Amino acid sequence: MTASPSQRTVLDAFSPGSEKFSPPVTTHVVDRPRLRALLSDGIEAPVTVVAATAGWGKTLLAASWLATDAADRVTAWVTLEPIDDSPPIFWRTVARALTPSVGAQAAEVLQQVAVSDVPEEDLPGTIAAALRNEPRRVLLVLDNLHEIVSPAVHSGIWT
Protein backbone atom coordinates (compact mmCIF):
# COMPACT_ATOMS: atom_id res chain seq x y z
CA MET A 1 0.00 0.00 0.00
CA THR A 2 1.38 3.39 -0.99
CA ALA A 3 1.06 6.36 1.35
CA SER A 4 -0.55 9.51 0.02
CA PRO A 5 1.71 12.56 -0.40
CA SER A 6 0.23 14.09 2.76
CA GLN A 7 1.17 10.95 4.75
CA ARG A 8 4.75 10.84 3.54
CA THR A 9 7.58 12.30 5.53
CA VAL A 10 10.51 14.21 4.14
CA LEU A 11 12.71 11.16 4.72
CA ASP A 12 10.31 8.96 2.71
CA ALA A 13 10.69 11.34 -0.21
CA PHE A 14 14.45 10.78 -0.17
CA SER A 15 14.43 6.99 -0.12
CA PRO A 16 16.68 5.32 -2.70
CA GLY A 17 14.89 4.50 -5.93
CA SER A 18 12.14 6.97 -5.14
CA GLU A 19 9.83 7.82 -8.02
CA LYS A 20 10.43 11.43 -7.02
CA PHE A 21 13.78 11.32 -8.84
CA SER A 22 12.80 9.24 -11.88
CA PRO A 23 11.11 10.46 -15.04
CA PRO A 24 8.12 8.40 -16.10
CA VAL A 25 8.73 5.61 -18.59
CA THR A 26 7.75 6.87 -22.01
CA THR A 27 6.45 4.15 -24.27
CA HIS A 28 3.76 4.50 -26.90
CA VAL A 29 4.00 8.30 -26.78
CA VAL A 30 2.76 10.38 -29.69
CA ASP A 31 5.84 11.99 -31.22
CA ARG A 32 5.73 15.78 -31.03
CA PRO A 33 8.65 16.82 -33.24
CA ARG A 34 7.76 20.53 -33.19
CA LEU A 35 7.60 20.63 -29.40
CA ARG A 36 10.75 18.54 -29.01
CA ALA A 37 12.53 20.92 -31.40
CA LEU A 38 11.45 23.88 -29.27
CA LEU A 39 12.91 22.19 -26.19
CA SER A 40 16.15 21.44 -28.04
CA ASP A 41 16.37 25.02 -29.32
CA GLY A 42 15.91 26.38 -25.79
CA ILE A 43 18.45 24.08 -24.17
CA GLU A 44 21.09 26.80 -23.87
CA ALA A 45 18.72 29.08 -21.93
CA PRO A 46 19.23 29.08 -18.17
CA VAL A 47 15.54 28.23 -17.63
CA THR A 48 12.92 26.81 -19.96
CA VAL A 49 9.29 26.62 -18.83
CA VAL A 50 6.81 24.20 -20.36
CA ALA A 51 3.34 25.44 -19.49
CA ALA A 52 -0.06 24.03 -20.39
CA THR A 53 -3.26 22.93 -18.73
CA ALA A 54 -3.26 19.73 -16.67
CA GLY A 55 -3.43 16.61 -18.80
CA TRP A 56 -1.82 18.05 -21.95
CA GLY A 57 1.28 15.89 -21.68
CA LYS A 58 3.95 18.20 -20.29
CA THR A 59 5.50 15.48 -18.13
CA LEU A 60 5.54 12.90 -20.92
CA LEU A 61 6.94 15.46 -23.38
CA ALA A 62 9.78 16.35 -21.00
CA ALA A 63 10.51 12.70 -20.19
CA SER A 64 10.51 11.57 -23.83
CA TRP A 65 12.66 14.54 -24.87
CA LEU A 66 15.10 13.78 -22.05
CA ALA A 67 15.34 10.16 -23.17
CA THR A 68 16.03 10.98 -26.81
CA ASP A 69 17.45 14.48 -27.20
CA ALA A 70 19.46 15.24 -24.06
CA ALA A 71 21.87 12.31 -24.08
CA ASP A 72 24.94 14.57 -24.16
CA ARG A 73 24.07 16.20 -20.84
CA VAL A 74 23.99 15.37 -17.17
CA THR A 75 20.30 15.03 -16.40
CA ALA A 76 18.26 14.96 -13.21
CA TRP A 77 14.54 14.82 -12.54
CA VAL A 78 12.48 15.93 -9.54
CA THR A 79 8.74 15.44 -9.24
CA LEU A 80 7.74 18.20 -6.85
CA GLU A 81 5.02 17.91 -4.24
CA PRO A 82 3.54 20.32 -1.67
CA ILE A 83 6.02 18.96 0.91
CA ASP A 84 8.82 20.52 -1.18
CA ASP A 85 7.43 24.06 -0.82
CA SER A 86 9.99 25.36 1.63
CA PRO A 87 13.45 26.62 0.69
CA PRO A 88 15.50 24.13 2.74
CA ILE A 89 13.48 21.11 1.62
CA PHE A 90 13.33 22.26 -2.02
CA TRP A 91 17.07 22.93 -2.37
CA ARG A 92 18.07 19.77 -0.53
CA THR A 93 15.74 17.82 -2.82
CA VAL A 94 17.36 19.39 -5.87
CA ALA A 95 20.82 18.54 -4.51
CA ARG A 96 19.71 14.95 -3.88
CA ALA A 97 18.39 14.67 -7.46
CA LEU A 98 21.60 16.00 -9.00
CA THR A 99 24.12 14.07 -6.87
CA PRO A 100 24.05 10.69 -8.70
CA SER A 101 24.47 12.32 -12.11
CA VAL A 102 27.43 14.65 -11.59
CA GLY A 103 31.15 14.08 -11.17
CA ALA A 104 32.82 13.39 -7.83
CA GLN A 105 33.77 17.01 -7.06
CA ALA A 106 30.24 18.39 -7.60
CA ALA A 107 28.67 15.33 -5.92
CA GLU A 108 30.66 15.92 -2.74
CA VAL A 109 29.33 19.47 -2.42
CA LEU A 110 25.77 18.41 -3.31
CA GLN A 111 25.88 15.66 -0.68
CA GLN A 112 26.78 18.28 1.92
CA VAL A 113 23.78 20.35 0.80
CA ALA A 114 21.48 17.31 0.92
CA VAL A 115 22.38 16.47 4.52
CA SER A 116 22.01 20.00 5.93
CA ASP A 117 25.68 20.96 6.25
CA VAL A 118 25.00 24.26 4.44
CA PRO A 119 23.10 27.22 5.94
CA GLU A 120 19.65 27.74 4.40
CA GLU A 121 20.46 31.12 2.86
CA ASP A 122 23.48 29.64 1.07
CA LEU A 123 21.73 26.63 -0.48
CA PRO A 124 20.97 27.97 -4.01
CA GLY A 125 24.41 29.54 -4.38
CA THR A 126 26.20 26.43 -3.11
CA ILE A 127 24.33 24.24 -5.61
CA ALA A 128 25.11 26.68 -8.44
CA ALA A 129 28.79 26.75 -7.47
CA ALA A 130 28.95 22.95 -7.42
CA LEU A 131 27.42 22.76 -10.89
CA ARG A 132 29.85 25.35 -12.28
CA ASN A 133 32.60 22.82 -11.52
CA GLU A 134 30.82 20.09 -13.49
CA PRO A 135 32.59 19.72 -16.87
CA ARG A 136 29.38 18.60 -18.62
CA ARG A 137 26.24 20.68 -19.11
CA VAL A 138 23.52 19.95 -16.53
CA LEU A 139 19.82 19.66 -17.23
CA LEU A 140 17.39 19.59 -14.30
CA VAL A 141 13.68 18.93 -14.83
CA LEU A 142 11.39 20.28 -12.11
CA ASP A 143 8.13 18.48 -12.79
CA ASN A 144 5.02 19.92 -11.10
CA LEU A 145 6.66 23.27 -10.35
CA HIS A 146 3.15 24.64 -9.79
CA GLU A 147 3.29 22.89 -6.39
CA ILE A 148 5.96 25.38 -5.31
CA VAL A 149 4.52 28.76 -4.32
CA SER A 150 7.23 29.95 -1.93
CA PRO A 151 8.61 33.31 -3.14
CA ALA A 152 12.01 32.43 -1.67
CA VAL A 153 12.22 29.23 -3.73
CA HIS A 154 11.16 30.96 -6.93
CA SER A 155 13.64 33.75 -6.32
CA GLY A 156 16.42 31.19 -6.07
CA ILE A 157 15.33 29.44 -9.26
CA TRP A 158 15.03 32.52 -11.44
CA THR A 159 18.18 34.34 -10.29
C-alpha atoms as a PDB file:
ATOM      1  CA  MET A   1       0.000   0.000   0.000  1.00  0.00           C
ATOM      2  CA  THR A   2       1.385   3.391  -0.989  1.00  0.00           C
ATOM      3  CA  ALA A   3       1.058   6.362   1.352  1.00  0.00           C
ATOM      4  CA  SER A   4      -0.546   9.514   0.023  1.00  0.00           C
ATOM      5  CA  PRO A   5       1.708  12.564  -0.395  1.00  0.00           C
ATOM      6  CA  SER A   6       0.229  14.086   2.761  1.00  0.00           C
ATOM      7  CA  GLN A   7       1.168  10.954   4.750  1.00  0.00           C
ATOM      8  CA  ARG A   8       4.751  10.836   3.537  1.00  0.00           C
ATOM      9  CA  THR A   9       7.579  12.305   5.531  1.00  0.00           C
ATOM     10  CA  VAL A  10      10.513  14.207   4.143  1.00  0.00           C
ATOM     11  CA  LEU A  11      12.706  11.162   4.719  1.00  0.00           C
ATOM     12  CA  ASP A  12      10.306   8.960   2.715  1.00  0.00           C
ATOM     13  CA  ALA A  13      10.693  11.335  -0.208  1.00  0.00           C
ATOM     14  CA  PHE A  14      14.454  10.779  -0.174  1.00  0.00           C
ATOM     15  CA  SER A  15      14.429   6.986  -0.122  1.00  0.00           C
ATOM     16  CA  PRO A  16      16.679   5.323  -2.705  1.00  0.00           C
ATOM     17  CA  GLY A  17      14.890   4.499  -5.932  1.00  0.00           C
ATOM     18  CA  SER A  18      12.138   6.967  -5.140  1.00  0.00           C
ATOM     19  CA  GLU A  19       9.828   7.823  -8.024  1.00  0.00           C
ATOM     20  CA  LYS A  20      10.433  11.434  -7.025  1.00  0.00           C
ATOM     21  CA  PHE A  21      13.778  11.322  -8.843  1.00  0.00           C
ATOM     22  CA  SER A  22      12.798   9.245 -11.876  1.00  0.00           C
ATOM     23  CA  PRO A  23      11.113  10.462 -15.035  1.00  0.00           C
ATOM     24  CA  PRO A  24       8.122   8.397 -16.099  1.00  0.00           C
ATOM     25  CA  VAL A  25       8.731   5.615 -18.589  1.00  0.00           C
ATOM     26  CA  THR A  26       7.749   6.873 -22.010  1.00  0.00           C
ATOM     27  CA  THR A  27       6.447   4.153 -24.272  1.00  0.00           C
ATOM     28  CA  HIS A  28       3.758   4.499 -26.904  1.00  0.00           C
ATOM     29  CA  VAL A  29       4.005   8.298 -26.785  1.00  0.00           C
ATOM     30  CA  VAL A  30       2.759  10.376 -29.690  1.00  0.00           C
ATOM     31  CA  ASP A  31       5.835  11.993 -31.219  1.00  0.00           C
ATOM     32  CA  ARG A  32       5.725  15.785 -31.025  1.00  0.00           C
ATOM     33  CA  PRO A  33       8.652  16.823 -33.244  1.00  0.00           C
ATOM     34  CA  ARG A  34       7.765  20.533 -33.190  1.00  0.00           C
ATOM     35  CA  LEU A  35       7.605  20.633 -29.399  1.00  0.00           C
ATOM     36  CA  ARG A  36      10.750  18.539 -29.011  1.00  0.00           C
ATOM     37  CA  ALA A  37      12.527  20.918 -31.402  1.00  0.00           C
ATOM     38  CA  LEU A  38      11.450  23.878 -29.272  1.00  0.00           C
ATOM     39  CA  LEU A  39      12.913  22.193 -26.193  1.00  0.00           C
ATOM     40  CA  SER A  40      16.146  21.443 -28.044  1.00  0.00           C
ATOM     41  CA  ASP A  41      16.369  25.019 -29.325  1.00  0.00           C
ATOM     42  CA  GLY A  42      15.915  26.379 -25.795  1.00  0.00           C
ATOM     43  CA  ILE A  43      18.449  24.082 -24.168  1.00  0.00           C
ATOM     44  CA  GLU A  44      21.086  26.802 -23.868  1.00  0.00           C
ATOM     45  CA  ALA A  45      18.725  29.077 -21.933  1.00  0.00           C
ATOM     46  CA  PRO A  46      19.230  29.081 -18.165  1.00  0.00           C
ATOM     47  CA  VAL A  47      15.539  28.230 -17.628  1.00  0.00           C
ATOM     48  CA  THR A  48      12.917  26.807 -19.959  1.00  0.00           C
ATOM     49  CA  VAL A  49       9.294  26.625 -18.828  1.00  0.00           C
ATOM     50  CA  VAL A  50       6.814  24.200 -20.358  1.00  0.00           C
ATOM     51  CA  ALA A  51       3.336  25.441 -19.488  1.00  0.00           C
ATOM     52  CA  ALA A  52      -0.063  24.032 -20.386  1.00  0.00           C
ATOM     53  CA  THR A  53      -3.265  22.933 -18.732  1.00  0.00           C
ATOM     54  CA  ALA A  54      -3.261  19.735 -16.674  1.00  0.00           C
ATOM     55  CA  GLY A  55      -3.430  16.614 -18.800  1.00  0.00           C
ATOM     56  CA  TRP A  56      -1.820  18.045 -21.952  1.00  0.00           C
ATOM     57  CA  GLY A  57       1.282  15.886 -21.682  1.00  0.00           C
ATOM     58  CA  LYS A  58       3.953  18.196 -20.287  1.00  0.00           C
ATOM     59  CA  THR A  59       5.499  15.480 -18.130  1.00  0.00           C
ATOM     60  CA  LEU A  60       5.543  12.898 -20.923  1.00  0.00           C
ATOM     61  CA  LEU A  61       6.941  15.459 -23.379  1.00  0.00           C
ATOM     62  CA  ALA A  62       9.778  16.351 -20.999  1.00  0.00           C
ATOM     63  CA  ALA A  63      10.513  12.705 -20.192  1.00  0.00           C
ATOM     64  CA  SER A  64      10.507  11.565 -23.834  1.00  0.00           C
ATOM     65  CA  TRP A  65      12.661  14.537 -24.868  1.00  0.00           C
ATOM     66  CA  LEU A  66      15.098  13.785 -22.052  1.00  0.00           C
ATOM     67  CA  ALA A  67      15.337  10.164 -23.165  1.00  0.00           C
ATOM     68  CA  THR A  68      16.035  10.979 -26.809  1.00  0.00           C
ATOM     69  CA  ASP A  69      17.455  14.475 -27.197  1.00  0.00           C
ATOM     70  CA  ALA A  70      19.456  15.241 -24.055  1.00  0.00           C
ATOM     71  CA  ALA A  71      21.870  12.314 -24.084  1.00  0.00           C
ATOM     72  CA  ASP A  72      24.935  14.566 -24.163  1.00  0.00           C
ATOM     73  CA  ARG A  73      24.072  16.203 -20.838  1.00  0.00           C
ATOM     74  CA  VAL A  74      23.991  15.375 -17.174  1.00  0.00           C
ATOM     75  CA  THR A  75      20.297  15.028 -16.402  1.00  0.00           C
ATOM     76  CA  ALA A  76      18.261  14.957 -13.213  1.00  0.00           C
ATOM     77  CA  TRP A  77      14.540  14.817 -12.539  1.00  0.00           C
ATOM     78  CA  VAL A  78      12.481  15.930  -9.543  1.00  0.00           C
ATOM     79  CA  THR A  79       8.736  15.436  -9.241  1.00  0.00           C
ATOM     80  CA  LEU A  80       7.744  18.200  -6.853  1.00  0.00           C
ATOM     81  CA  GLU A  81       5.019  17.914  -4.238  1.00  0.00           C
ATOM     82  CA  PRO A  82       3.542  20.320  -1.666  1.00  0.00           C
ATOM     83  CA  ILE A  83       6.017  18.959   0.910  1.00  0.00           C
ATOM     84  CA  ASP A  84       8.819  20.520  -1.178  1.00  0.00           C
ATOM     85  CA  ASP A  85       7.430  24.059  -0.816  1.00  0.00           C
ATOM     86  CA  SER A  86       9.988  25.359   1.631  1.00  0.00           C
ATOM     87  CA  PRO A  87      13.448  26.621   0.687  1.00  0.00           C
ATOM     88  CA  PRO A  88      15.495  24.131   2.736  1.00  0.00           C
ATOM     89  CA  ILE A  89      13.483  21.110   1.615  1.00  0.00           C
ATOM     90  CA  PHE A  90      13.334  22.265  -2.015  1.00  0.00           C
ATOM     91  CA  TRP A  91      17.070  22.934  -2.366  1.00  0.00           C
ATOM     92  CA  ARG A  92      18.067  19.768  -0.531  1.00  0.00           C
ATOM     93  CA  THR A  93      15.736  17.818  -2.815  1.00  0.00           C
ATOM     94  CA  VAL A  94      17.365  19.393  -5.871  1.00  0.00           C
ATOM     95  CA  ALA A  95      20.819  18.542  -4.507  1.00  0.00           C
ATOM     96  CA  ARG A  96      19.713  14.954  -3.878  1.00  0.00           C
ATOM     97  CA  ALA A  97      18.386  14.674  -7.456  1.00  0.00           C
ATOM     98  CA  LEU A  98      21.597  15.998  -8.995  1.00  0.00           C
ATOM     99  CA  THR A  99      24.121  14.070  -6.871  1.00  0.00           C
ATOM    100  CA  PRO A 100      24.046  10.694  -8.696  1.00  0.00           C
ATOM    101  CA  SER A 101      24.469  12.324 -12.108  1.00  0.00           C
ATOM    102  CA  VAL A 102      27.434  14.651 -11.595  1.00  0.00           C
ATOM    103  CA  GLY A 103      31.147  14.079 -11.166  1.00  0.00           C
ATOM    104  CA  ALA A 104      32.818  13.395  -7.833  1.00  0.00           C
ATOM    105  CA  GLN A 105      33.770  17.009  -7.055  1.00  0.00           C
ATOM    106  CA  ALA A 106      30.241  18.388  -7.598  1.00  0.00           C
ATOM    107  CA  ALA A 107      28.666  15.335  -5.918  1.00  0.00           C
ATOM    108  CA  GLU A 108      30.664  15.915  -2.745  1.00  0.00           C
ATOM    109  CA  VAL A 109      29.328  19.475  -2.422  1.00  0.00           C
ATOM    110  CA  LEU A 110      25.773  18.411  -3.314  1.00  0.00           C
ATOM    111  CA  GLN A 111      25.876  15.663  -0.683  1.00  0.00           C
ATOM    112  CA  GLN A 112      26.781  18.276   1.922  1.00  0.00           C
ATOM    113  CA  VAL A 113      23.783  20.345   0.801  1.00  0.00           C
ATOM    114  CA  ALA A 114      21.477  17.308   0.922  1.00  0.00           C
ATOM    115  CA  VAL A 115      22.376  16.465   4.522  1.00  0.00           C
ATOM    116  CA  SER A 116      22.013  19.995   5.926  1.00  0.00           C
ATOM    117  CA  ASP A 117      25.683  20.965   6.250  1.00  0.00           C
ATOM    118  CA  VAL A 118      24.997  24.256   4.440  1.00  0.00           C
ATOM    119  CA  PRO A 119      23.104  27.223   5.941  1.00  0.00           C
ATOM    120  CA  GLU A 120      19.651  27.741   4.397  1.00  0.00           C
ATOM    121  CA  GLU A 121      20.464  31.124   2.863  1.00  0.00           C
ATOM    122  CA  ASP A 122      23.482  29.642   1.068  1.00  0.00           C
ATOM    123  CA  LEU A 123      21.727  26.635  -0.480  1.00  0.00           C
ATOM    124  CA  PRO A 124      20.973  27.972  -4.006  1.00  0.00           C
ATOM    125  CA  GLY A 125      24.415  29.538  -4.380  1.00  0.00           C
ATOM    126  CA  THR A 126      26.200  26.434  -3.112  1.00  0.00           C
ATOM    127  CA  ILE A 127      24.332  24.245  -5.612  1.00  0.00           C
ATOM    128  CA  ALA A 128      25.109  26.681  -8.440  1.00  0.00           C
ATOM    129  CA  ALA A 129      28.793  26.754  -7.472  1.00  0.00           C
ATOM    130  CA  ALA A 130      28.949  22.947  -7.416  1.00  0.00           C
ATOM    131  CA  LEU A 131      27.415  22.759 -10.890  1.00  0.00           C
ATOM    132  CA  ARG A 132      29.853  25.345 -12.281  1.00  0.00           C
ATOM    133  CA  ASN A 133      32.603  22.816 -11.519  1.00  0.00           C
ATOM    134  CA  GLU A 134      30.820  20.095 -13.490  1.00  0.00           C
ATOM    135  CA  PRO A 135      32.585  19.724 -16.873  1.00  0.00           C
ATOM    136  CA  ARG A 136      29.384  18.605 -18.619  1.00  0.00           C
ATOM    137  CA  ARG A 137      26.239  20.684 -19.106  1.00  0.00           C
ATOM    138  CA  VAL A 138      23.523  19.953 -16.532  1.00  0.00           C
ATOM    139  CA  LEU A 139      19.818  19.665 -17.233  1.00  0.00           C
ATOM    140  CA  LEU A 140      17.395  19.586 -14.302  1.00  0.00           C
ATOM    141  CA  VAL A 141      13.678  18.934 -14.833  1.00  0.00           C
ATOM    142  CA  LEU A 142      11.394  20.283 -12.105  1.00  0.00           C
ATOM    143  CA  ASP A 143       8.129  18.482 -12.785  1.00  0.00           C
ATOM    144  CA  ASN A 144       5.018  19.917 -11.101  1.00  0.00           C
ATOM    145  CA  LEU A 145       6.663  23.268 -10.355  1.00  0.00           C
ATOM    146  CA  HIS A 146       3.153  24.636  -9.792  1.00  0.00           C
ATOM    147  CA  GLU A 147       3.286  22.890  -6.389  1.00  0.00           C
ATOM    148  CA  ILE A 148       5.960  25.384  -5.306  1.00  0.00           C
ATOM    149  CA  VAL A 149       4.524  28.760  -4.325  1.00  0.00           C
ATOM    150  CA  SER A 150       7.232  29.953  -1.930  1.00  0.00           C
ATOM    151  CA  PRO A 151       8.612  33.312  -3.144  1.00  0.00           C
ATOM    152  CA  ALA A 152      12.010  32.434  -1.673  1.00  0.00           C
ATOM    153  CA  VAL A 153      12.222  29.229  -3.725  1.00  0.00           C
ATOM    154  CA  HIS A 154      11.160  30.956  -6.933  1.00  0.00           C
ATOM    155  CA  SER A 155      13.643  33.751  -6.325  1.00  0.00           C
ATOM    156  CA  GLY A 156      16.419  31.190  -6.072  1.00  0.00           C
ATOM    157  CA  ILE A 157      15.329  29.444  -9.265  1.00  0.00           C
ATOM    158  CA  TRP A 158      15.033  32.519 -11.444  1.00  0.00           C
ATOM    159  CA  THR A 159      18.185  34.343 -10.286  1.00  0.00           C
END
